[in-house]
Amino acid sequence: MTQGFCKAERLHRKLIIDKMFAGGHSRSFSVYPLRIVYMYVDELDAAASVLISVPKKRFKRAVKRNYVKRQIREGYRLNKQDLLTLLNEKNQKLAIAFIYQSDELVPTAEVNEKIRLLLTRITEKMV
């Protein structure tokens, strides 16, 4: 499996995003500074599609918001292998949203660790 982050892995369908945040079928939990919302969906292109959100309320400058998005994207890219193999084995598809909750920038190593922790929690709940 490649370690890239292709376009099919980006969540962009408005219907799915609205369903995720309307509640009901989606699940969520937090590991500071990140909150994850995820939902099992059938109509996705990839095994897992990801949405990354850094609110303008937290960082007014787009430069900082984009920096945090890059950190999250890279952390997901490096730590997604276990989740994707489990999803392929179970023949399931997952929509994931990462939401940044802190008002301060966090080192990249810490973001990677938190994302790894979030993804392992999801895999534990699937088993």
Protein backbone atom coordinates (compact mmCIF):
# COMPACT_ATOMS: atom_id res chain seq x y z
CA MET A 1 0.00 0.00 0.00
CA THR A 2 1.31 3.42 -0.87
CA GLN A 3 1.88 6.11 1.70
CA GLY A 4 0.48 8.90 -0.45
CA PHE A 5 -2.60 11.02 0.14
CA CYS A 6 -4.49 10.98 -3.16
CA LYS A 7 -7.60 12.90 -4.13
CA ALA A 8 -9.88 9.88 -3.57
CA GLU A 9 -8.90 9.95 0.11
CA ARG A 10 -10.22 13.50 0.56
CA LEU A 11 -13.77 13.82 1.79
CA HIS A 12 -15.61 16.34 -0.38
CA ARG A 13 -19.22 15.14 -0.73
CA LYS A 14 -21.51 17.62 0.98
CA LEU A 15 -24.20 15.01 1.69
CA ILE A 16 -21.80 12.79 3.63
CA ILE A 17 -20.32 15.75 5.52
CA ASP A 18 -23.78 16.99 6.49
CA LYS A 19 -24.75 13.50 7.68
CA MET A 20 -21.58 13.27 9.77
CA PHE A 21 -22.19 16.49 11.63
CA ALA A 22 -25.96 16.10 11.95
CA GLY A 23 -25.35 13.34 14.46
CA GLY A 24 -27.12 10.02 14.61
CA HIS A 25 -24.80 7.60 12.85
CA SER A 26 -21.47 9.31 13.49
CA ARG A 27 -19.21 8.82 16.47
CA SER A 28 -16.64 11.18 17.92
CA PHE A 29 -14.03 11.56 20.63
CA SER A 30 -11.16 13.90 21.46
CA VAL A 31 -7.48 13.66 22.17
CA TYR A 32 -6.36 17.22 22.77
CA PRO A 33 -5.68 19.19 20.51
CA LEU A 34 -7.70 17.11 18.01
CA ARG A 35 -11.28 15.90 17.83
CA ILE A 36 -12.24 13.13 15.44
CA VAL A 37 -15.68 12.47 14.00
CA TYR A 38 -16.14 9.31 11.96
CA MET A 39 -18.94 7.42 10.27
CA TYR A 40 -19.23 4.23 8.24
CA VAL A 41 -20.35 5.01 4.69
CA ASP A 42 -20.86 2.80 1.65
CA GLU A 43 -20.63 5.32 -1.20
CA LEU A 44 -16.96 6.36 -0.96
CA ASP A 45 -14.17 5.98 -3.51
CA ALA A 46 -11.44 4.99 -1.03
CA ALA A 47 -11.49 2.82 2.10
CA ALA A 48 -11.16 5.95 4.23
CA SER A 49 -11.87 9.54 3.22
CA VAL A 50 -10.62 12.40 5.38
CA LEU A 51 -11.80 15.94 6.06
CA ILE A 52 -9.48 18.33 7.91
CA SER A 53 -10.92 21.38 9.64
CA VAL A 54 -9.04 24.18 11.39
CA PRO A 55 -11.58 26.82 12.47
CA LYS A 56 -11.02 30.45 11.62
CA LYS A 57 -12.06 31.20 15.20
CA ARG A 58 -8.84 29.51 16.41
CA PHE A 59 -6.40 31.01 13.90
CA LYS A 60 -7.27 34.24 12.11
CA ARG A 61 -4.35 34.03 9.71
CA ALA A 62 -4.68 31.59 6.82
CA VAL A 63 -0.95 30.86 6.96
CA LYS A 64 -1.29 29.28 10.41
CA ARG A 65 -4.48 27.42 9.47
CA ASN A 66 -2.78 25.95 6.42
CA TYR A 67 0.27 24.99 8.50
CA VAL A 68 -1.91 23.07 10.96
CA LYS A 69 -3.78 21.38 8.09
CA ARG A 70 -0.45 20.29 6.62
CA GLN A 71 0.61 18.86 9.99
CA ILE A 72 -2.62 16.87 10.31
CA ARG A 73 -2.47 15.65 6.70
CA GLU A 74 1.10 14.46 7.15
CA GLY A 75 0.30 12.76 10.46
CA TYR A 76 -2.61 10.92 8.87
CA ARG A 77 -0.53 9.94 5.84
CA LEU A 78 2.16 8.40 8.03
CA ASN A 79 -0.18 6.55 10.41
CA LYS A 80 -3.06 5.34 8.22
CA GLN A 81 -1.71 1.89 7.25
CA ASP A 82 -3.20 -0.17 10.12
CA LEU A 83 -6.63 1.41 9.73
CA LEU A 84 -6.72 0.90 5.96
CA THR A 85 -5.68 -2.75 6.14
CA LEU A 86 -8.40 -3.44 8.73
CA LEU A 87 -11.01 -1.61 6.63
CA ASN A 88 -10.03 -3.61 3.55
CA GLU A 89 -10.21 -6.89 5.48
CA LYS A 90 -13.69 -6.09 6.78
CA ASN A 91 -14.76 -4.56 3.45
CA GLN A 92 -15.93 -1.33 5.09
CA LYS A 93 -15.54 2.34 4.18
CA LEU A 94 -15.04 5.14 6.67
CA ALA A 95 -15.49 8.92 6.52
CA ILE A 96 -13.24 10.73 9.00
CA ALA A 97 -13.13 14.39 10.06
CA PHE A 98 -10.21 15.81 12.04
CA ILE A 99 -11.07 19.04 13.86
CA TYR A 100 -8.32 21.10 15.49
CA GLN A 101 -9.36 22.46 18.89
CA SER A 102 -6.37 24.32 20.29
CA ASP A 103 -5.70 28.05 20.06
CA GLU A 104 -1.94 27.47 19.87
CA LEU A 105 0.37 25.78 17.42
CA VAL A 106 1.55 22.34 18.50
CA PRO A 107 4.82 20.66 17.41
CA THR A 108 4.46 18.27 14.47
CA ALA A 109 5.74 15.30 16.48
CA GLU A 110 2.96 15.80 19.01
CA VAL A 111 0.31 16.06 16.27
CA ASN A 112 1.63 12.82 14.72
CA GLU A 113 1.43 11.07 18.09
CA LYS A 114 -2.14 12.26 18.72
CA ILE A 115 -3.28 11.19 15.26
CA ARG A 116 -1.70 7.77 15.77
CA LEU A 117 -3.56 7.49 19.06
CA LEU A 118 -6.87 8.50 17.45
CA LEU A 119 -6.49 6.02 14.60
CA THR A 120 -5.57 3.17 16.94
CA ARG A 121 -8.65 3.92 19.02
CA ILE A 122 -10.81 3.62 15.91
CA THR A 123 -9.19 0.30 14.97
CA GLU A 124 -9.73 -1.01 18.51
CA LYS A 125 -13.43 -0.11 18.34
CA MET A 126 -13.73 -1.90 14.99
CA VAL A 127 -12.33 -5.20 16.27
